[in-house]
Amino acid sequence: GTIFKYIFNTIGTLFLVLGTTGFIINVLKVFGKKISIGGFTVSILLLWIGAFLTGTSFTIWGFLMGGERSPIGYHFF
């Protein structure tokens, strides 16, 4: 069980980093007037999957990503 926890947490952390980076880049593109709806969608999806895998929660524009659930993510093993 410990190896699966480590693998899923690593993948989840990678998704959180990629999603956060993509989200910041897309927000900066809005100021340059190059809006990419697909980029925002992929970034938010990566953030949601990362939150699911790691069990973390955060808020984007008032929407809770992750959050208190039982069980959180894959941690029901």
C-alpha atoms as a PDB file:
ATOM      1  CA  GLY A   1       0.000   0.000   0.000  1.00  0.00           C
ATOM      2  CA  THR A   2       2.815   2.446   0.714  1.00  0.00           C
ATOM      3  CA  ILE A   3       4.279   2.264  -2.793  1.00  0.00           C
ATOM      4  CA  PHE A   4       0.872   3.061  -4.327  1.00  0.00           C
ATOM      5  CA  LYS A   5       0.459   6.026  -1.992  1.00  0.00           C
ATOM      6  CA  TYR A   6       3.883   7.326  -3.017  1.00  0.00           C
ATOM      7  CA  ILE A   7       3.204   6.810  -6.749  1.00  0.00           C
ATOM      8  CA  PHE A   8      -0.223   8.470  -6.670  1.00  0.00           C
ATOM      9  CA  ASN A   9       1.010  11.369  -4.534  1.00  0.00           C
ATOM     10  CA  THR A  10       3.916  11.910  -6.943  1.00  0.00           C
ATOM     11  CA  ILE A  11       1.625  11.863  -9.984  1.00  0.00           C
ATOM     12  CA  GLY A  12      -0.856  14.144  -8.194  1.00  0.00           C
ATOM     13  CA  THR A  13       1.872  16.602  -7.257  1.00  0.00           C
ATOM     14  CA  LEU A  14       3.125  16.637 -10.849  1.00  0.00           C
ATOM     15  CA  PHE A  15      -0.417  17.360 -12.074  1.00  0.00           C
ATOM     16  CA  LEU A  16      -0.775  20.160  -9.502  1.00  0.00           C
ATOM     17  CA  VAL A  17       2.488  21.757 -10.638  1.00  0.00           C
ATOM     18  CA  LEU A  18       1.616  21.476 -14.340  1.00  0.00           C
ATOM     19  CA  GLY A  19      -1.927  22.743 -13.756  1.00  0.00           C
ATOM     20  CA  THR A  20      -0.765  25.701 -11.674  1.00  0.00           C
ATOM     21  CA  THR A  21       1.892  26.624 -14.230  1.00  0.00           C
ATOM     22  CA  GLY A  22      -0.587  26.387 -17.095  1.00  0.00           C
ATOM     23  CA  PHE A  23      -3.184  28.391 -15.185  1.00  0.00           C
ATOM     24  CA  ILE A  24      -0.719  31.199 -14.435  1.00  0.00           C
ATOM     25  CA  ILE A  25       0.438  31.270 -18.063  1.00  0.00           C
ATOM     26  CA  ASN A  26      -3.174  31.462 -19.278  1.00  0.00           C
ATOM     27  CA  VAL A  27      -4.001  34.271 -16.840  1.00  0.00           C
ATOM     28  CA  LEU A  28      -0.987  36.197 -18.150  1.00  0.00           C
ATOM     29  CA  LYS A  29      -2.164  35.543 -21.729  1.00  0.00           C
ATOM     30  CA  VAL A  30      -5.489  37.199 -20.870  1.00  0.00           C
ATOM     31  CA  PHE A  31      -3.597  40.427 -20.171  1.00  0.00           C
ATOM     32  CA  GLY A  32      -1.959  40.045 -23.586  1.00  0.00           C
ATOM     33  CA  LYS A  33      -5.445  39.575 -25.106  1.00  0.00           C
ATOM     34  CA  LYS A  34      -4.755  36.008 -26.244  1.00  0.00           C
ATOM     35  CA  ILE A  35      -7.517  34.134 -24.437  1.00  0.00           C
ATOM     36  CA  SER A  36      -7.312  30.339 -24.658  1.00  0.00           C
ATOM     37  CA  ILE A  37     -10.397  28.557 -23.324  1.00  0.00           C
ATOM     38  CA  GLY A  38      -8.816  25.169 -24.050  1.00  0.00           C
ATOM     39  CA  GLY A  39      -5.730  26.103 -22.059  1.00  0.00           C
ATOM     40  CA  PHE A  40      -7.838  27.124 -19.072  1.00  0.00           C
ATOM     41  CA  THR A  41      -9.850  23.912 -19.335  1.00  0.00           C
ATOM     42  CA  VAL A  42      -6.773  21.677 -19.424  1.00  0.00           C
ATOM     43  CA  SER A  43      -5.161  23.587 -16.545  1.00  0.00           C
ATOM     44  CA  ILE A  44      -8.235  23.334 -14.338  1.00  0.00           C
ATOM     45  CA  LEU A  45      -8.617  19.646 -15.200  1.00  0.00           C
ATOM     46  CA  LEU A  46      -4.987  18.986 -14.228  1.00  0.00           C
ATOM     47  CA  LEU A  47      -5.529  20.865 -10.966  1.00  0.00           C
ATOM     48  CA  TRP A  48      -8.682  18.881 -10.209  1.00  0.00           C
ATOM     49  CA  ILE A  49      -7.017  15.518 -10.933  1.00  0.00           C
ATOM     50  CA  GLY A  50      -4.001  16.532  -8.845  1.00  0.00           C
ATOM     51  CA  ALA A  51      -6.250  17.543  -5.952  1.00  0.00           C
ATOM     52  CA  PHE A  52      -8.116  14.242  -6.247  1.00  0.00           C
ATOM     53  CA  LEU A  53      -4.928  12.163  -6.187  1.00  0.00           C
ATOM     54  CA  THR A  54      -3.214  14.028  -3.349  1.00  0.00           C
ATOM     55  CA  GLY A  55      -6.278  14.796  -1.219  1.00  0.00           C
ATOM     56  CA  THR A  56      -5.619  18.549  -1.161  1.00  0.00           C
ATOM     57  CA  SER A  57      -8.149  21.333  -1.647  1.00  0.00           C
ATOM     58  CA  PHE A  58      -7.952  24.912  -2.914  1.00  0.00           C
ATOM     59  CA  THR A  59     -10.243  27.591  -4.327  1.00  0.00           C
ATOM     60  CA  ILE A  60     -10.200  29.096  -7.829  1.00  0.00           C
ATOM     61  CA  TRP A  61     -12.594  32.005  -8.416  1.00  0.00           C
ATOM     62  CA  GLY A  62     -14.806  30.859  -5.555  1.00  0.00           C
ATOM     63  CA  PHE A  63     -15.008  27.211  -6.665  1.00  0.00           C
ATOM     64  CA  LEU A  64     -13.601  24.611  -4.286  1.00  0.00           C
ATOM     65  CA  MET A  65     -11.294  22.102  -5.968  1.00  0.00           C
ATOM     66  CA  GLY A  66     -10.846  18.933  -3.943  1.00  0.00           C
ATOM     67  CA  GLY A  67     -12.318  19.467  -0.518  1.00  0.00           C
ATOM     68  CA  GLU A  68     -13.600  17.408   2.370  1.00  0.00           C
ATOM     69  CA  ARG A  69     -14.852  14.067   1.138  1.00  0.00           C
ATOM     70  CA  SER A  70     -14.899  10.633   2.609  1.00  0.00           C
ATOM     71  CA  PRO A  71     -12.816   8.972   1.245  1.00  0.00           C
ATOM     72  CA  ILE A  72     -10.539  11.641  -0.242  1.00  0.00           C
ATOM     73  CA  GLY A  73      -9.206  10.685  -3.652  1.00  0.00           C
ATOM     74  CA  TYR A  74      -7.873   7.172  -3.992  1.00  0.00           C
ATOM     75  CA  HIS A  75      -7.096   6.917  -0.243  1.00  0.00           C
ATOM     76  CA  PHE A  76      -9.912   4.442   0.429  1.00  0.00           C
ATOM     77  CA  PHE A  77      -7.537   1.426   0.307  1.00  0.00           C
END
